[in-house]
Amino acid sequence: MTKWFQILLSSTSSEERPPLSEKVRDYLEFFFSKELQNSKIGKSQWKSVLSILYISGGNHKLINTVLADAPRTIKSEMIKMYEIHIPLSLINKSEDRHRKSIEVLLDAIFLFCKRFSKLKDAQIREIFNKIDWAYLLSLPYPASREEQGYLEDRIGSFE
């Protein structure tokens, strides 16, 4: 199966970012690549990259997840990069941060899927109902820094 979907995670705060295992991201990439492989998205020649930036405090007044209006394209690599900003406050004020961190990731993927007119809400929700929550919640939380796989850990901090 061709990997046409990738998730990149980064954060403005290395202390506040969700300490999810990169296995959560790996599972979601594989799951959605498989579930949507026969859709218009999965059959596209373009690779879709969902770039998620967790944003902490400061002057950021986000109260909800925000998806950029249009993807950035890298024609030489045939990549469409969809950028989404998620306020860390959505996770930090939750009683179950592990579950909420996964839910917020899924919300971001749901927004990404809604960008494609061929995918109806009911179809997207049907796919989401197949997610293996038992597996996702069994993964280490908080994961060690080495197990998190954030972009800035590989290329240097944004702070």
N, C-alpha and C. Protein backbone atom coordinates (compact mmCIF):
# COMPACT_ATOMS: atom_id res chain seq x y z
N MET A 1 0.84 -1.18 0.00
CA MET A 1 0.00 0.00 0.00
C MET A 1 0.89 1.24 0.00
N THR A 2 0.59 2.16 -0.89
CA THR A 2 1.35 3.40 -0.99
C THR A 2 0.95 4.33 0.15
N LYS A 3 1.94 4.91 0.78
CA LYS A 3 1.66 5.86 1.87
C LYS A 3 1.45 7.24 1.25
N TRP A 4 0.21 7.67 1.18
CA TRP A 4 -0.13 8.95 0.57
C TRP A 4 -0.48 9.99 1.62
N PHE A 5 -0.55 9.59 2.89
CA PHE A 5 -0.98 10.47 3.97
C PHE A 5 0.04 10.45 5.09
N GLN A 6 0.43 11.63 5.54
CA GLN A 6 1.42 11.74 6.61
C GLN A 6 0.98 12.82 7.58
N ILE A 7 1.29 12.62 8.86
CA ILE A 7 1.00 13.61 9.90
C ILE A 7 2.32 14.08 10.49
N LEU A 8 2.51 15.39 10.53
CA LEU A 8 3.67 15.99 11.18
C LEU A 8 3.18 16.75 12.41
N LEU A 9 3.82 16.52 13.55
CA LEU A 9 3.44 17.20 14.78
C LEU A 9 4.55 18.13 15.22
N SER A 10 4.16 19.35 15.62
CA SER A 10 5.11 20.29 16.22
C SER A 10 4.36 21.10 17.25
N SER A 11 5.11 21.82 18.09
CA SER A 11 4.49 22.58 19.17
C SER A 11 5.33 23.82 19.47
N THR A 12 4.63 24.87 19.89
CA THR A 12 5.33 26.08 20.29
C THR A 12 5.91 25.95 21.70
N SER A 13 5.54 24.90 22.41
CA SER A 13 6.03 24.68 23.77
C SER A 13 6.44 23.23 23.96
N SER A 14 7.71 23.01 24.23
CA SER A 14 8.17 21.64 24.44
C SER A 14 7.70 21.10 25.79
N GLU A 15 7.37 22.00 26.74
CA GLU A 15 6.90 21.56 28.06
C GLU A 15 5.42 21.21 28.06
N GLU A 16 4.63 21.90 27.26
CA GLU A 16 3.17 21.71 27.29
C GLU A 16 2.65 20.75 26.23
N ARG A 17 3.43 20.43 25.25
CA ARG A 17 2.93 19.61 24.14
C ARG A 17 2.41 18.27 24.64
N PRO A 18 1.43 17.71 23.94
CA PRO A 18 0.90 16.41 24.34
C PRO A 18 1.98 15.33 24.23
N PRO A 19 2.27 14.65 25.34
CA PRO A 19 3.32 13.63 25.31
C PRO A 19 2.83 12.28 24.78
N LEU A 20 2.25 12.31 23.58
CA LEU A 20 1.76 11.08 22.94
C LEU A 20 2.91 10.31 22.31
N SER A 21 2.77 9.01 22.32
CA SER A 21 3.72 8.15 21.62
C SER A 21 3.58 8.37 20.12
N GLU A 22 4.69 8.34 19.40
CA GLU A 22 4.62 8.47 17.94
C GLU A 22 3.87 7.29 17.32
N LYS A 23 3.65 6.23 18.09
CA LYS A 23 2.88 5.10 17.60
C LYS A 23 1.41 5.49 17.37
N VAL A 24 0.92 6.50 18.08
CA VAL A 24 -0.44 7.01 17.84
C VAL A 24 -0.50 7.60 16.44
N ARG A 25 0.47 8.45 16.13
CA ARG A 25 0.54 9.06 14.80
C ARG A 25 0.71 7.98 13.72
N ASP A 26 1.60 7.03 13.96
CA ASP A 26 1.83 5.95 12.99
C ASP A 26 0.54 5.16 12.73
N TYR A 27 -0.18 4.85 13.80
CA TYR A 27 -1.43 4.11 13.65
C TYR A 27 -2.43 4.91 12.82
N LEU A 28 -2.58 6.20 13.14
CA LEU A 28 -3.56 7.04 12.43
C LEU A 28 -3.17 7.21 10.95
N GLU A 29 -1.89 7.38 10.67
CA GLU A 29 -1.45 7.47 9.27
C GLU A 29 -1.80 6.19 8.51
N PHE A 30 -1.48 5.05 9.09
CA PHE A 30 -1.75 3.77 8.43
C PHE A 30 -3.26 3.54 8.30
N PHE A 31 -3.99 3.79 9.39
CA PHE A 31 -5.43 3.58 9.40
C PHE A 31 -6.13 4.39 8.31
N PHE A 32 -5.85 5.69 8.25
CA PHE A 32 -6.52 6.53 7.27
C PHE A 32 -6.01 6.28 5.85
N SER A 33 -4.75 5.95 5.70
CA SER A 33 -4.25 5.58 4.36
C SER A 33 -5.00 4.36 3.85
N LYS A 34 -5.22 3.39 4.73
CA LYS A 34 -5.93 2.17 4.34
C LYS A 34 -7.41 2.44 4.08
N GLU A 35 -8.06 3.14 5.00
CA GLU A 35 -9.50 3.37 4.90
C GLU A 35 -9.88 4.26 3.71
N LEU A 36 -8.99 5.17 3.34
CA LEU A 36 -9.31 6.12 2.28
C LEU A 36 -8.58 5.84 0.97
N GLN A 37 -7.91 4.69 0.88
CA GLN A 37 -7.12 4.39 -0.31
C GLN A 37 -7.95 4.33 -1.59
N ASN A 38 -9.23 4.01 -1.48
CA ASN A 38 -10.07 3.93 -2.68
C ASN A 38 -10.87 5.20 -2.92
N SER A 39 -10.65 6.21 -2.09
CA SER A 39 -11.35 7.48 -2.27
C SER A 39 -10.57 8.38 -3.21
N LYS A 40 -11.15 9.51 -3.52
CA LYS A 40 -10.47 10.49 -4.37
C LYS A 40 -9.15 10.94 -3.75
N ILE A 41 -9.11 11.06 -2.43
CA ILE A 41 -7.87 11.48 -1.75
C ILE A 41 -6.79 10.42 -1.93
N GLY A 42 -7.14 9.17 -1.64
CA GLY A 42 -6.17 8.08 -1.71
C GLY A 42 -5.69 7.77 -3.11
N LYS A 43 -6.48 8.11 -4.12
CA LYS A 43 -6.10 7.83 -5.50
C LYS A 43 -5.37 9.00 -6.15
N SER A 44 -5.26 10.10 -5.45
CA SER A 44 -4.59 11.27 -5.98
C SER A 44 -3.10 10.98 -6.19
N GLN A 45 -2.51 11.66 -7.15
CA GLN A 45 -1.07 11.54 -7.36
C GLN A 45 -0.30 12.34 -6.32
N TRP A 46 -1.01 13.21 -5.62
CA TRP A 46 -0.39 14.06 -4.61
C TRP A 46 -0.36 13.34 -3.27
N LYS A 47 0.70 13.56 -2.53
CA LYS A 47 0.80 13.08 -1.16
C LYS A 47 0.22 14.16 -0.26
N SER A 48 -0.64 13.78 0.67
CA SER A 48 -1.23 14.74 1.60
C SER A 48 -0.49 14.70 2.92
N VAL A 49 -0.06 15.87 3.37
CA VAL A 49 0.64 16.00 4.66
C VAL A 49 -0.20 16.90 5.54
N LEU A 50 -0.58 16.39 6.70
CA LEU A 50 -1.32 17.17 7.68
C LEU A 50 -0.30 17.65 8.71
N SER A 51 0.01 18.94 8.68
CA SER A 51 0.98 19.53 9.57
C SER A 51 0.25 20.19 10.74
N ILE A 52 0.41 19.61 11.92
CA ILE A 52 -0.31 20.05 13.11
C ILE A 52 0.65 20.80 14.02
N LEU A 53 0.28 22.03 14.36
CA LEU A 53 1.06 22.84 15.29
C LEU A 53 0.22 23.09 16.53
N TYR A 54 0.69 22.59 17.66
CA TYR A 54 0.05 22.86 18.95
C TYR A 54 0.55 24.22 19.43
N ILE A 55 -0.39 25.09 19.78
CA ILE A 55 -0.04 26.46 20.16
C ILE A 55 -0.37 26.70 21.63
N SER A 56 0.61 27.23 22.36
CA SER A 56 0.40 27.54 23.77
C SER A 56 0.22 29.03 23.98
N GLY A 57 -0.33 29.38 25.12
CA GLY A 57 -0.52 30.73 25.63
C GLY A 57 -0.08 31.90 24.79
N GLY A 58 0.60 32.83 25.43
CA GLY A 58 1.05 34.04 24.76
C GLY A 58 -0.10 34.87 24.24
N ASN A 59 0.05 35.44 23.07
CA ASN A 59 -0.99 36.27 22.48
C ASN A 59 -1.98 35.46 21.66
N HIS A 60 -1.81 34.16 21.61
CA HIS A 60 -2.71 33.32 20.82
C HIS A 60 -4.05 33.23 21.52
N LYS A 61 -5.09 33.64 20.87
CA LYS A 61 -6.41 33.65 21.45
C LYS A 61 -7.31 32.60 20.80
N LEU A 62 -6.68 31.54 20.29
CA LEU A 62 -7.47 30.48 19.67
C LEU A 62 -8.30 29.76 20.73
N ILE A 63 -9.55 29.55 20.42
CA ILE A 63 -10.39 28.76 21.31
C ILE A 63 -10.81 27.46 20.63
N ASN A 64 -10.49 27.34 19.36
CA ASN A 64 -10.82 26.15 18.61
C ASN A 64 -9.71 25.82 17.62
N THR A 65 -9.79 24.65 17.06
CA THR A 65 -8.85 24.21 16.05
C THR A 65 -9.06 25.01 14.76
N VAL A 66 -7.97 25.42 14.12
CA VAL A 66 -8.06 26.22 12.90
C VAL A 66 -7.30 25.55 11.78
N LEU A 67 -7.98 25.34 10.65
CA LEU A 67 -7.37 24.76 9.47
C LEU A 67 -7.13 25.86 8.45
N ALA A 68 -5.95 25.89 7.87
CA ALA A 68 -5.65 26.90 6.85
C ALA A 68 -6.63 26.78 5.69
N ASP A 69 -6.90 27.92 5.04
CA ASP A 69 -7.88 27.96 3.96
C ASP A 69 -7.50 27.09 2.76
N ALA A 70 -6.23 27.03 2.45
CA ALA A 70 -5.78 26.27 1.28
C ALA A 70 -4.46 25.58 1.62
N PRO A 71 -4.21 24.44 1.00
CA PRO A 71 -2.94 23.75 1.27
C PRO A 71 -1.78 24.46 0.59
N ARG A 72 -0.61 24.30 1.16
CA ARG A 72 0.62 24.71 0.48
C ARG A 72 0.99 23.55 -0.44
N THR A 73 1.50 23.87 -1.59
CA THR A 73 1.88 22.79 -2.49
C THR A 73 3.38 22.84 -2.77
N ILE A 74 3.94 21.66 -2.84
CA ILE A 74 5.34 21.50 -3.22
C ILE A 74 5.31 20.64 -4.48
N LYS A 75 5.24 21.31 -5.63
CA LYS A 75 5.02 20.62 -6.89
C LYS A 75 6.12 19.62 -7.21
N SER A 76 7.37 19.97 -6.92
CA SER A 76 8.48 19.07 -7.26
C SER A 76 8.39 17.74 -6.53
N GLU A 77 7.75 17.74 -5.36
CA GLU A 77 7.60 16.52 -4.56
C GLU A 77 6.17 15.97 -4.61
N MET A 78 5.27 16.68 -5.32
CA MET A 78 3.86 16.29 -5.41
C MET A 78 3.23 16.17 -4.01
N ILE A 79 3.44 17.22 -3.20
CA ILE A 79 2.93 17.25 -1.83
C ILE A 79 1.96 18.41 -1.68
N LYS A 80 0.83 18.12 -1.03
CA LYS A 80 -0.09 19.16 -0.58
C LYS A 80 -0.06 19.13 0.94
N MET A 81 0.36 20.26 1.53
CA MET A 81 0.50 20.33 2.97
C MET A 81 -0.65 21.15 3.56
N TYR A 82 -1.44 20.50 4.38
CA TYR A 82 -2.56 21.12 5.06
C TYR A 82 -2.12 21.47 6.47
N GLU A 83 -2.19 22.76 6.80
CA GLU A 83 -1.72 23.22 8.09
C GLU A 83 -2.90 23.44 9.03
N ILE A 84 -2.72 22.99 10.26
CA ILE A 84 -3.76 23.15 11.26
C ILE A 84 -3.12 23.58 12.58
N HIS A 85 -3.76 24.52 13.24
CA HIS A 85 -3.29 25.00 14.54
C HIS A 85 -4.28 24.55 15.61
N ILE A 86 -3.74 24.01 16.68
CA ILE A 86 -4.57 23.51 17.78
C ILE A 86 -4.10 24.17 19.08
N PRO A 87 -5.00 24.87 19.77
CA PRO A 87 -4.61 25.46 21.05
C PRO A 87 -4.42 24.36 22.11
N LEU A 88 -3.30 24.42 22.80
CA LEU A 88 -3.02 23.43 23.83
C LEU A 88 -4.03 23.49 24.98
N SER A 89 -4.69 24.61 25.12
CA SER A 89 -5.68 24.75 26.19
C SER A 89 -6.81 23.73 26.04
N LEU A 90 -7.11 23.31 24.81
CA LEU A 90 -8.14 22.29 24.61
C LEU A 90 -7.78 20.99 25.32
N ILE A 91 -6.50 20.70 25.39
CA ILE A 91 -6.03 19.46 26.02
C ILE A 91 -5.74 19.69 27.49
N ASN A 92 -5.07 20.79 27.80
CA ASN A 92 -4.60 21.03 29.16
C ASN A 92 -5.72 21.18 30.18
N LYS A 93 -6.89 21.61 29.75
CA LYS A 93 -7.98 21.77 30.72
C LYS A 93 -8.83 20.50 30.86
N SER A 94 -8.46 19.45 30.16
CA SER A 94 -9.20 18.19 30.21
C SER A 94 -8.76 17.36 31.41
N GLU A 95 -9.71 16.59 31.97
CA GLU A 95 -9.38 15.68 33.07
C GLU A 95 -8.62 14.46 32.59
N ASP A 96 -8.86 14.03 31.35
CA ASP A 96 -8.18 12.87 30.77
C ASP A 96 -7.38 13.36 29.56
N ARG A 97 -6.17 13.82 29.82
CA ARG A 97 -5.35 14.41 28.76
C ARG A 97 -4.94 13.39 27.70
N HIS A 98 -4.77 12.15 28.10
CA HIS A 98 -4.39 11.12 27.14
C HIS A 98 -5.49 10.99 26.08
N ARG A 99 -6.71 10.73 26.51
CA ARG A 99 -7.83 10.58 25.59
C ARG A 99 -8.06 11.88 24.81
N LYS A 100 -8.01 13.01 25.48
CA LYS A 100 -8.27 14.29 24.82
C LYS A 100 -7.22 14.58 23.74
N SER A 101 -5.97 14.22 23.99
CA SER A 101 -4.91 14.42 22.99
C SER A 101 -5.22 13.65 21.71
N ILE A 102 -5.73 12.45 21.86
CA ILE A 102 -6.08 11.63 20.70
C ILE A 102 -7.33 12.20 20.03
N GLU A 103 -8.32 12.60 20.82
CA GLU A 103 -9.54 13.18 20.26
C GLU A 103 -9.24 14.43 19.44
N VAL A 104 -8.35 15.26 19.94
CA VAL A 104 -7.99 16.49 19.22
C VAL A 104 -7.30 16.17 17.90
N LEU A 105 -6.43 15.16 17.91
CA LEU A 105 -5.80 14.71 16.66
C LEU A 105 -6.86 14.24 15.67
N LEU A 106 -7.82 13.50 16.16
CA LEU A 106 -8.90 13.01 15.30
C LEU A 106 -9.76 14.15 14.79
N ASP A 107 -9.98 15.16 15.62
CA ASP A 107 -10.72 16.35 15.15
C ASP A 107 -9.98 17.01 13.99
N ALA A 108 -8.66 17.08 14.10
CA ALA A 108 -7.84 17.67 13.03
C ALA A 108 -7.97 16.84 11.75
N ILE A 109 -7.94 15.53 11.87
CA ILE A 109 -8.07 14.66 10.71
C ILE A 109 -9.47 14.78 10.11
N PHE A 110 -10.48 14.92 10.98
CA PHE A 110 -11.86 15.10 10.50
C PHE A 110 -11.95 16.38 9.67
N LEU A 111 -11.37 17.48 10.16
CA LEU A 111 -11.37 18.73 9.40
C LEU A 111 -10.66 18.56 8.06
N PHE A 112 -9.55 17.84 8.07
CA PHE A 112 -8.82 17.55 6.84
C PHE A 112 -9.71 16.79 5.86
N CYS A 113 -10.38 15.75 6.33
CA CYS A 113 -11.24 14.93 5.46
C CYS A 113 -12.41 15.74 4.90
N LYS A 114 -12.94 16.67 5.67
CA LYS A 114 -14.07 17.49 5.22
C LYS A 114 -13.68 18.41 4.07
N ARG A 115 -12.38 18.59 3.84
CA ARG A 115 -11.92 19.43 2.72
C ARG A 115 -12.26 18.81 1.37
N PHE A 116 -12.56 17.54 1.37
CA PHE A 116 -12.79 16.83 0.12
C PHE A 116 -14.28 16.58 -0.05
N SER A 117 -14.86 17.22 -1.05
CA SER A 117 -16.31 17.20 -1.24
C SER A 117 -16.86 15.79 -1.51
N LYS A 118 -16.04 14.91 -2.00
CA LYS A 118 -16.50 13.55 -2.28
C LYS A 118 -16.74 12.73 -1.01
N LEU A 119 -16.17 13.18 0.11
CA LEU A 119 -16.36 12.48 1.38
C LEU A 119 -17.48 13.16 2.16
N LYS A 120 -18.52 12.44 2.42
CA LYS A 120 -19.65 12.96 3.18
C LYS A 120 -19.42 12.74 4.67
N ASP A 121 -20.04 13.59 5.50
CA ASP A 121 -19.87 13.47 6.95
C ASP A 121 -20.19 12.06 7.45
N ALA A 122 -21.27 11.46 6.95
CA ALA A 122 -21.66 10.13 7.39
C ALA A 122 -20.57 9.10 7.06
N GLN A 123 -19.97 9.22 5.88
CA GLN A 123 -18.90 8.31 5.47
C GLN A 123 -17.68 8.50 6.37
N ILE A 124 -17.35 9.75 6.66
CA ILE A 124 -16.20 10.04 7.52
C ILE A 124 -16.44 9.47 8.92
N ARG A 125 -17.64 9.69 9.46
CA ARG A 125 -17.96 9.18 10.80
C ARG A 125 -17.94 7.65 10.84
N GLU A 126 -18.37 7.01 9.79
CA GLU A 126 -18.33 5.55 9.70
C GLU A 126 -16.88 5.06 9.80
N ILE A 127 -16.00 5.74 9.12
CA ILE A 127 -14.58 5.39 9.17
C ILE A 127 -14.04 5.61 10.58
N PHE A 128 -14.39 6.74 11.18
CA PHE A 128 -13.90 7.06 12.52
C PHE A 128 -14.38 6.03 13.55
N ASN A 129 -15.54 5.46 13.34
CA ASN A 129 -16.07 4.46 14.28
C ASN A 129 -15.26 3.17 14.28
N LYS A 130 -14.41 2.97 13.28
CA LYS A 130 -13.58 1.77 13.19
C LYS A 130 -12.25 1.91 13.95
N ILE A 131 -11.97 3.08 14.45
CA ILE A 131 -10.69 3.31 15.14
C ILE A 131 -10.58 2.43 16.37
N ASP A 132 -9.42 1.85 16.56
CA ASP A 132 -9.17 0.95 17.69
C ASP A 132 -8.73 1.76 18.91
N TRP A 133 -9.72 2.23 19.66
CA TRP A 133 -9.44 3.05 20.84
C TRP A 133 -8.68 2.26 21.91
N ALA A 134 -8.98 0.99 22.05
CA ALA A 134 -8.29 0.19 23.07
C ALA A 134 -6.78 0.19 22.79
N TYR A 135 -6.42 0.03 21.52
CA TYR A 135 -4.99 0.05 21.17
C TYR A 135 -4.39 1.44 21.45
N LEU A 136 -5.05 2.49 20.97
CA LEU A 136 -4.52 3.84 21.13
C LEU A 136 -4.33 4.20 22.60
N LEU A 137 -5.29 3.83 23.44
CA LEU A 137 -5.19 4.15 24.86
C LEU A 137 -4.23 3.23 25.61
N SER A 138 -3.82 2.13 24.97
CA SER A 138 -2.85 1.23 25.61
C SER A 138 -1.41 1.70 25.40
N LEU A 139 -1.21 2.64 24.48
CA LEU A 139 0.14 3.13 24.20
C LEU A 139 0.62 4.00 25.36
N PRO A 140 1.94 4.06 25.56
CA PRO A 140 2.47 4.78 26.72
C PRO A 140 2.06 6.25 26.74
N TYR A 141 1.63 6.69 27.92
CA TYR A 141 1.29 8.09 28.14
C TYR A 141 1.59 8.43 29.59
N PRO A 142 2.37 9.43 29.86
CA PRO A 142 3.11 10.21 28.88
C PRO A 142 4.27 9.40 28.31
N ALA A 143 4.45 9.56 27.03
CA ALA A 143 5.56 8.89 26.35
C ALA A 143 6.85 9.67 26.61
N SER A 144 7.95 8.96 26.63
CA SER A 144 9.23 9.65 26.80
C SER A 144 9.45 10.57 25.61
N ARG A 145 10.28 11.55 25.78
CA ARG A 145 10.56 12.52 24.71
C ARG A 145 11.02 11.81 23.42
N GLU A 146 11.84 10.78 23.57
CA GLU A 146 12.34 10.03 22.41
C GLU A 146 11.21 9.30 21.68
N GLU A 147 10.16 8.94 22.40
CA GLU A 147 9.04 8.20 21.81
C GLU A 147 7.97 9.10 21.19
N GLN A 148 8.10 10.42 21.35
CA GLN A 148 7.05 11.33 20.89
C GLN A 148 7.14 11.65 19.40
N GLY A 149 8.31 11.78 18.86
CA GLY A 149 8.47 11.98 17.42
C GLY A 149 7.98 13.33 16.89
N TYR A 150 8.14 14.38 17.68
CA TYR A 150 7.76 15.71 17.18
C TYR A 150 8.81 16.21 16.19
N LEU A 151 8.37 17.01 15.26
CA LEU A 151 9.22 17.53 14.21
C LEU A 151 10.43 18.28 14.78
N GLU A 152 10.21 19.12 15.77
CA GLU A 152 11.32 19.91 16.31
C GLU A 152 12.36 19.07 17.01
N ASP A 153 12.01 17.86 17.45
CA ASP A 153 12.99 16.96 18.06
C ASP A 153 13.97 16.45 17.01
N ARG A 154 13.50 16.42 15.76
CA ARG A 154 14.36 15.94 14.68
C ARG A 154 15.17 17.05 14.03
N ILE A 155 14.64 18.30 14.07
CA ILE A 155 15.32 19.39 13.36
C ILE A 155 15.74 20.54 14.27
N GLY A 156 15.44 20.48 15.55
CA GLY A 156 15.79 21.57 16.45
C GLY A 156 14.54 22.27 16.96
N SER A 157 14.65 22.86 18.08
CA SER A 157 13.50 23.50 18.74
C SER A 157 13.07 24.79 18.08
N PHE A 158 11.78 25.10 18.16
CA PHE A 158 11.24 26.37 17.68
C PHE A 158 11.33 27.44 18.76
N GLU A 159 11.63 27.04 19.99
CA GLU A 159 11.65 28.01 21.09
C GLU A 159 12.90 28.84 21.09
